[in-house]
Each structure stands twice: as structure tokens, then as C-alpha cells.
C-alpha atoms as a PDB file:
ATOM      1  CA  MET A   1     -31.469  26.572  84.921  1.00  0.00           C
ATOM      2  CA  LEU A   2     -32.007  29.555  87.221  1.00  0.00           C
ATOM      3  CA  LYS A   3     -32.782  28.692  90.859  1.00  0.00           C
ATOM      4  CA  VAL A   4     -33.550  30.520  94.076  1.00  0.00           C
ATOM      5  CA  THR A   5     -30.767  29.577  96.493  1.00  0.00           C
ATOM      6  CA  LYS A   6     -31.921  31.625  99.496  1.00  0.00           C
ATOM      7  CA  VAL A   7     -35.086  33.442 100.516  1.00  0.00           C
ATOM      8  CA  CYS A   8     -35.924  35.377 103.680  1.00  0.00           C
ATOM      9  CA  ALA A   9     -39.129  37.220 104.535  1.00  0.00           C
ATOM     10  CA  LYS A  10     -38.689  40.921 105.256  1.00  0.00           C
ATOM     11  CA  GLU A  11     -41.042  43.643 106.446  1.00  0.00           C
ATOM     12  CA  ASN A  12     -43.785  45.075 104.275  1.00  0.00           C
ATOM     13  CA  PHE A  13     -44.361  41.820 102.359  1.00  0.00           C
ATOM     14  CA  THR A  14     -41.026  41.777 100.619  1.00  0.00           C
ATOM     15  CA  LEU A  15     -38.493  38.976 100.337  1.00  0.00           C
ATOM     16  CA  PHE A  16     -34.722  38.983 100.216  1.00  0.00           C
ATOM     17  CA  VAL A  17     -33.768  36.547  97.452  1.00  0.00           C
ATOM     18  CA  GLU A  18     -30.467  35.120  96.213  1.00  0.00           C
ATOM     19  CA  LEU A  19     -30.373  33.504  92.768  1.00  0.00           C
ATOM     20  CA  SER A  20     -28.024  30.851  91.396  1.00  0.00           C
ATOM     21  CA  ASP A  21     -26.598  33.343  88.871  1.00  0.00           C
ATOM     22  CA  GLY A  22     -25.228  35.490  91.710  1.00  0.00           C
ATOM     23  CA  ARG A  23     -27.890  38.181  91.721  1.00  0.00           C
ATOM     24  CA  SER A  24     -29.621  39.125  94.962  1.00  0.00           C
ATOM     25  CA  GLY A  25     -32.118  41.697  96.075  1.00  0.00           C
ATOM     26  CA  SER A  26     -35.682  42.403  97.136  1.00  0.00           C
ATOM     27  CA  PHE A  27     -38.821  40.940  95.630  1.00  0.00           C
ATOM     28  CA  ASP A  28     -42.099  42.727  96.399  1.00  0.00           C
ATOM     29  CA  VAL A  29     -44.954  40.280  96.964  1.00  0.00           C
ATOM     30  CA  LYS A  30     -47.610  42.986  97.547  1.00  0.00           C
ATOM     31  CA  PRO A  31     -48.897  42.966  93.928  1.00  0.00           C
ATOM     32  CA  TYR A  32     -49.833  39.288  94.374  1.00  0.00           C
ATOM     33  CA  LEU A  33     -51.633  39.567  97.747  1.00  0.00           C
ATOM     34  CA  GLU A  34     -55.099  40.176  96.252  1.00  0.00           C
ATOM     35  CA  LYS A  35     -54.904  37.311  93.750  1.00  0.00           C
ATOM     36  CA  GLY A  36     -56.444  33.893  94.399  1.00  0.00           C
ATOM     37  CA  VAL A  37     -54.417  31.594  96.629  1.00  0.00           C
ATOM     38  CA  PHE A  38     -51.921  34.361  97.428  1.00  0.00           C
ATOM     39  CA  THR A  39     -54.421  36.168  99.712  1.00  0.00           C
ATOM     40  CA  GLN A  40     -53.330  33.824 102.522  1.00  0.00           C
ATOM     41  CA  LEU A  41     -49.902  35.496 102.413  1.00  0.00           C
ATOM     42  CA  LYS A  42     -51.434  38.581 104.076  1.00  0.00           C
ATOM     43  CA  ASP A  43     -50.988  36.715 107.372  1.00  0.00           C
ATOM     44  CA  LYS A  44     -47.524  37.918 108.399  1.00  0.00           C
ATOM     45  CA  ASN A  45     -46.745  34.748 110.356  1.00  0.00           C
ATOM     46  CA  TYR A  46     -47.654  32.597 107.367  1.00  0.00           C
ATOM     47  CA  PHE A  47     -45.717  34.884 105.006  1.00  0.00           C
ATOM     48  CA  LYS A  48     -42.549  34.151 107.007  1.00  0.00           C
ATOM     49  CA  LEU A  49     -42.821  30.422 106.178  1.00  0.00           C
ATOM     50  CA  VAL A  50     -41.474  30.910 102.638  1.00  0.00           C
ATOM     51  CA  LYS A  51     -38.756  28.460 101.518  1.00  0.00           C
ATOM     52  CA  PRO A  52     -36.825  27.697  98.332  1.00  0.00           C
ATOM     53  CA  PHE A  53     -38.784  25.045  96.427  1.00  0.00           C
ATOM     54  CA  PHE A  54     -37.474  23.298  93.319  1.00  0.00           C
ATOM     55  CA  CYS A  55     -36.236  26.283  91.275  1.00  0.00           C
ATOM     56  CA  GLY A  56     -38.464  28.955  92.835  1.00  0.00           C
ATOM     57  CA  ILE A  57     -40.073  29.620  96.207  1.00  0.00           C
ATOM     58  CA  ALA A  58     -43.157  28.280  97.970  1.00  0.00           C
ATOM     59  CA  TRP A  59     -45.247  28.431 101.118  1.00  0.00           C
ATOM     60  CA  PRO A  60     -46.785  25.398 102.903  1.00  0.00           C
ATOM     61  CA  ASN A  61     -50.188  25.597 101.180  1.00  0.00           C
ATOM     62  CA  GLU A  62     -48.615  25.430  97.725  1.00  0.00           C
ATOM     63  CA  GLN A  63     -48.497  29.108  96.828  1.00  0.00           C
ATOM     64  CA  ASP A  64     -45.407  29.369  94.657  1.00  0.00           C
ATOM     65  CA  LEU A  65     -43.461  31.674  92.387  1.00  0.00           C
ATOM     66  CA  SER A  66     -40.910  30.678  89.769  1.00  0.00           C
ATOM     67  CA  ALA A  67     -37.293  31.796  89.761  1.00  0.00           C
ATOM     68  CA  ASP A  68     -37.934  33.465  86.388  1.00  0.00           C
ATOM     69  CA  THR A  69     -40.786  35.581  87.792  1.00  0.00           C
ATOM     70  CA  ILE A  70     -38.631  36.600  90.738  1.00  0.00           C
ATOM     71  CA  ALA A  71     -35.635  37.416  88.524  1.00  0.00           C
ATOM     72  CA  PHE A  72     -37.782  39.573  86.228  1.00  0.00           C
ATOM     73  CA  GLU A  73     -39.146  41.655  89.131  1.00  0.00           C
ATOM     74  CA  LEU A  74     -36.075  41.565  91.414  1.00  0.00           C
ATOM     75  CA  LYS A  75     -34.797  44.893  92.712  1.00  0.00           C
ATOM     76  CA  GLU A  76     -31.099  44.145  92.876  1.00  0.00           C
ATOM     77  CA  GLU A  77     -29.038  45.452  95.751  1.00  0.00           C
ATOM     78  CA  SER A  78     -26.537  48.031  94.655  1.00  0.00           C
ATOM     79  CA  GLN A  79     -22.926  47.112  95.036  1.00  0.00           C
ATOM     80  CA  ARG A  80     -21.418  48.868  98.019  1.00  0.00           C
ATOM     81  CA  ILE A  81     -18.162  50.604  97.311  1.00  0.00           C
ATOM     82  CA  GLN A  82     -15.644  50.461 100.103  1.00  0.00           C
ATOM     83  CA  ILE A  83     -13.362  53.452 100.343  1.00  0.00           C
ATOM     84  CA  ARG A  84     -10.165  53.109 102.327  1.00  0.00           C
ATOM     85  CA  ALA A  85      -8.343  56.074 103.755  1.00  0.00           C
ATOM     86  CA  PHE A  86      -4.633  55.975 103.087  1.00  0.00           C
ATOM     87  CA  ASN A  87      -2.431  57.648 105.682  1.00  0.00           C
END
């Protein structure tokens, strides 16, 4: 079962997320901010209170998103290629 193993709030209502399958990247919460209980996330201090919760993520007042939703919309970080100079 897919799980969120780490989540950190970033600027502009995005989250850095790590998943149990090894993927990581940014998840944009902005599309959810005008919907029902998610409007409370517009408060930047409250937004920062996000934590992993069961398999997904949640905030204190029970706003939550599943790991599957996050995985589907995740913008994965590109792998950085390290180039070494040989002398």
C-alpha cells in the first residue's frame, strides 16, 4: 500500500512529499483551496501544520488527501546528474 513518508509545506501552497515507493516531488494544493473544508488551508500558518496521516496527509481540522491523489498529481523532482572532472 502506497504511503506518504514525509511532507513539508513550501511556499505558494505547495508541499514537498516523499512516498513509500521512493518517489518524491512537489504537490500543488492551490486547486483545492476553494473547495469546502480546504478553504481553511489559505491561512499560511495553518497550511504549515500538515503531517503524514495514515497513508496520506492531513491537517489538524481533518482536511486530508490520500497518497493515491498525491501520487497522481505529484510533480517529481528530476534526478540531478553529477559530473566529475577528471584531471
